[in-house]
Amino acid sequence: MAFKEDYKRFLGRFDLYERNLPRAFVLIMKNYCTPQMVIRLKEIGDYEARVKNEVLILLTEIEINYEPTEAQFLSVSFIS
């Protein structure tokens, strides 16, 4: 009996997880990726087939394609 109840709860949670995956994908792409990163991700050869709507693959590709930019400082010179 306890197994059946646990299994029902698991199925409910798994269903919620499956429904929220596309939402998480959109949230990551819109709020956490720069426009340059979105372009870089969409240029992946198999983006439509492999990456689109797959959150874990998206995060892996972001990690692979991430290149931190160096801080750029404005150079100031004084003329006397």
C-alpha atoms as a PDB file:
ATOM      1  CA  MET A   1       0.000   0.000   0.000  1.00  0.00           C
ATOM      2  CA  ALA A   2       2.698   2.484   0.934  1.00  0.00           C
ATOM      3  CA  PHE A   3       4.501   1.787  -2.334  1.00  0.00           C
ATOM      4  CA  LYS A   4       1.392   2.627  -4.380  1.00  0.00           C
ATOM      5  CA  GLU A   5       0.932   5.903  -2.524  1.00  0.00           C
ATOM      6  CA  ASP A   6       4.582   6.822  -2.985  1.00  0.00           C
ATOM      7  CA  TYR A   7       4.363   5.921  -6.646  1.00  0.00           C
ATOM      8  CA  LYS A   8       1.287   8.129  -7.125  1.00  0.00           C
ATOM      9  CA  ARG A   9       3.099  11.041  -5.485  1.00  0.00           C
ATOM     10  CA  PHE A  10       6.119  10.384  -7.668  1.00  0.00           C
ATOM     11  CA  LEU A  11       3.996  10.405 -10.820  1.00  0.00           C
ATOM     12  CA  GLY A  12       2.389  13.690  -9.766  1.00  0.00           C
ATOM     13  CA  ARG A  13       5.761  15.305  -9.144  1.00  0.00           C
ATOM     14  CA  PHE A  14       7.205  13.888 -12.351  1.00  0.00           C
ATOM     15  CA  ASP A  15       4.243  15.262 -14.304  1.00  0.00           C
ATOM     16  CA  LEU A  16       4.811  18.696 -12.760  1.00  0.00           C
ATOM     17  CA  TYR A  17       8.513  18.440 -13.625  1.00  0.00           C
ATOM     18  CA  GLU A  18       7.708  17.560 -17.249  1.00  0.00           C
ATOM     19  CA  ARG A  19       5.234  20.452 -17.559  1.00  0.00           C
ATOM     20  CA  ASN A  20       7.739  22.963 -16.148  1.00  0.00           C
ATOM     21  CA  LEU A  21      10.702  22.020 -18.352  1.00  0.00           C
ATOM     22  CA  PRO A  22       9.629  24.189 -21.318  1.00  0.00           C
ATOM     23  CA  ARG A  23       8.969  27.086 -18.935  1.00  0.00           C
ATOM     24  CA  ALA A  24      12.439  26.715 -17.452  1.00  0.00           C
ATOM     25  CA  PHE A  25      13.950  26.677 -20.949  1.00  0.00           C
ATOM     26  CA  VAL A  26      12.225  29.949 -21.870  1.00  0.00           C
ATOM     27  CA  LEU A  27      13.141  31.521 -18.534  1.00  0.00           C
ATOM     28  CA  ILE A  28      16.823  30.675 -18.982  1.00  0.00           C
ATOM     29  CA  MET A  29      16.934  31.877 -22.595  1.00  0.00           C
ATOM     30  CA  LYS A  30      15.121  35.163 -21.939  1.00  0.00           C
ATOM     31  CA  ASN A  31      16.361  36.202 -18.507  1.00  0.00           C
ATOM     32  CA  TYR A  32      19.803  34.693 -18.073  1.00  0.00           C
ATOM     33  CA  CYS A  33      21.369  34.548 -21.551  1.00  0.00           C
ATOM     34  CA  THR A  34      22.776  37.603 -23.262  1.00  0.00           C
ATOM     35  CA  PRO A  35      21.663  38.243 -26.845  1.00  0.00           C
ATOM     36  CA  GLN A  36      25.114  37.123 -28.010  1.00  0.00           C
ATOM     37  CA  MET A  37      24.778  33.847 -26.111  1.00  0.00           C
ATOM     38  CA  VAL A  38      21.322  33.223 -27.601  1.00  0.00           C
ATOM     39  CA  ILE A  39      22.752  33.727 -31.097  1.00  0.00           C
ATOM     40  CA  ARG A  40      25.686  31.452 -30.312  1.00  0.00           C
ATOM     41  CA  LEU A  41      23.359  28.738 -28.991  1.00  0.00           C
ATOM     42  CA  LYS A  42      21.028  28.957 -31.989  1.00  0.00           C
ATOM     43  CA  GLU A  43      24.016  28.579 -34.323  1.00  0.00           C
ATOM     44  CA  ILE A  44      24.680  25.099 -32.961  1.00  0.00           C
ATOM     45  CA  GLY A  45      24.184  22.691 -35.842  1.00  0.00           C
ATOM     46  CA  ASP A  46      21.548  20.527 -34.181  1.00  0.00           C
ATOM     47  CA  TYR A  47      19.889  23.200 -32.024  1.00  0.00           C
ATOM     48  CA  GLU A  48      16.341  22.447 -33.158  1.00  0.00           C
ATOM     49  CA  ALA A  49      16.700  18.686 -32.767  1.00  0.00           C
ATOM     50  CA  ARG A  50      18.862  18.372 -29.671  1.00  0.00           C
ATOM     51  CA  VAL A  51      18.907  21.568 -27.612  1.00  0.00           C
ATOM     52  CA  LYS A  52      15.504  23.221 -28.015  1.00  0.00           C
ATOM     53  CA  ASN A  53      13.270  22.640 -24.952  1.00  0.00           C
ATOM     54  CA  GLU A  54      15.882  20.414 -23.267  1.00  0.00           C
ATOM     55  CA  VAL A  55      16.984  22.302 -20.168  1.00  0.00           C
ATOM     56  CA  LEU A  56      19.882  20.067 -19.135  1.00  0.00           C
ATOM     57  CA  ILE A  57      21.361  20.073 -22.639  1.00  0.00           C
ATOM     58  CA  LEU A  58      20.871  23.848 -22.806  1.00  0.00           C
ATOM     59  CA  LEU A  59      22.795  24.339 -19.574  1.00  0.00           C
ATOM     60  CA  THR A  60      25.578  22.077 -20.834  1.00  0.00           C
ATOM     61  CA  GLU A  61      25.838  24.045 -24.078  1.00  0.00           C
ATOM     62  CA  ILE A  62      25.888  27.335 -22.154  1.00  0.00           C
ATOM     63  CA  GLU A  63      28.754  25.997 -20.062  1.00  0.00           C
ATOM     64  CA  ILE A  64      30.653  24.895 -23.184  1.00  0.00           C
ATOM     65  CA  ASN A  65      30.077  28.163 -25.072  1.00  0.00           C
ATOM     66  CA  TYR A  66      30.612  30.541 -22.167  1.00  0.00           C
ATOM     67  CA  GLU A  67      33.610  32.785 -22.527  1.00  0.00           C
ATOM     68  CA  PRO A  68      34.043  35.312 -19.753  1.00  0.00           C
ATOM     69  CA  THR A  69      34.899  38.766 -20.981  1.00  0.00           C
ATOM     70  CA  GLU A  70      37.766  40.628 -19.473  1.00  0.00           C
ATOM     71  CA  ALA A  71      36.971  43.838 -17.698  1.00  0.00           C
ATOM     72  CA  GLN A  72      37.483  46.736 -20.021  1.00  0.00           C
ATOM     73  CA  PHE A  73      38.708  49.935 -18.501  1.00  0.00           C
ATOM     74  CA  LEU A  74      38.578  53.303 -20.158  1.00  0.00           C
ATOM     75  CA  SER A  75      42.071  54.677 -20.492  1.00  0.00           C
ATOM     76  CA  VAL A  76      42.389  58.258 -19.367  1.00  0.00           C
ATOM     77  CA  SER A  77      45.349  60.450 -20.167  1.00  0.00           C
ATOM     78  CA  PHE A  78      46.036  63.877 -18.831  1.00  0.00           C
ATOM     79  CA  ILE A  79      47.489  66.505 -21.096  1.00  0.00           C
ATOM     80  CA  SER A  80      49.316  69.310 -19.397  1.00  0.00           C
END
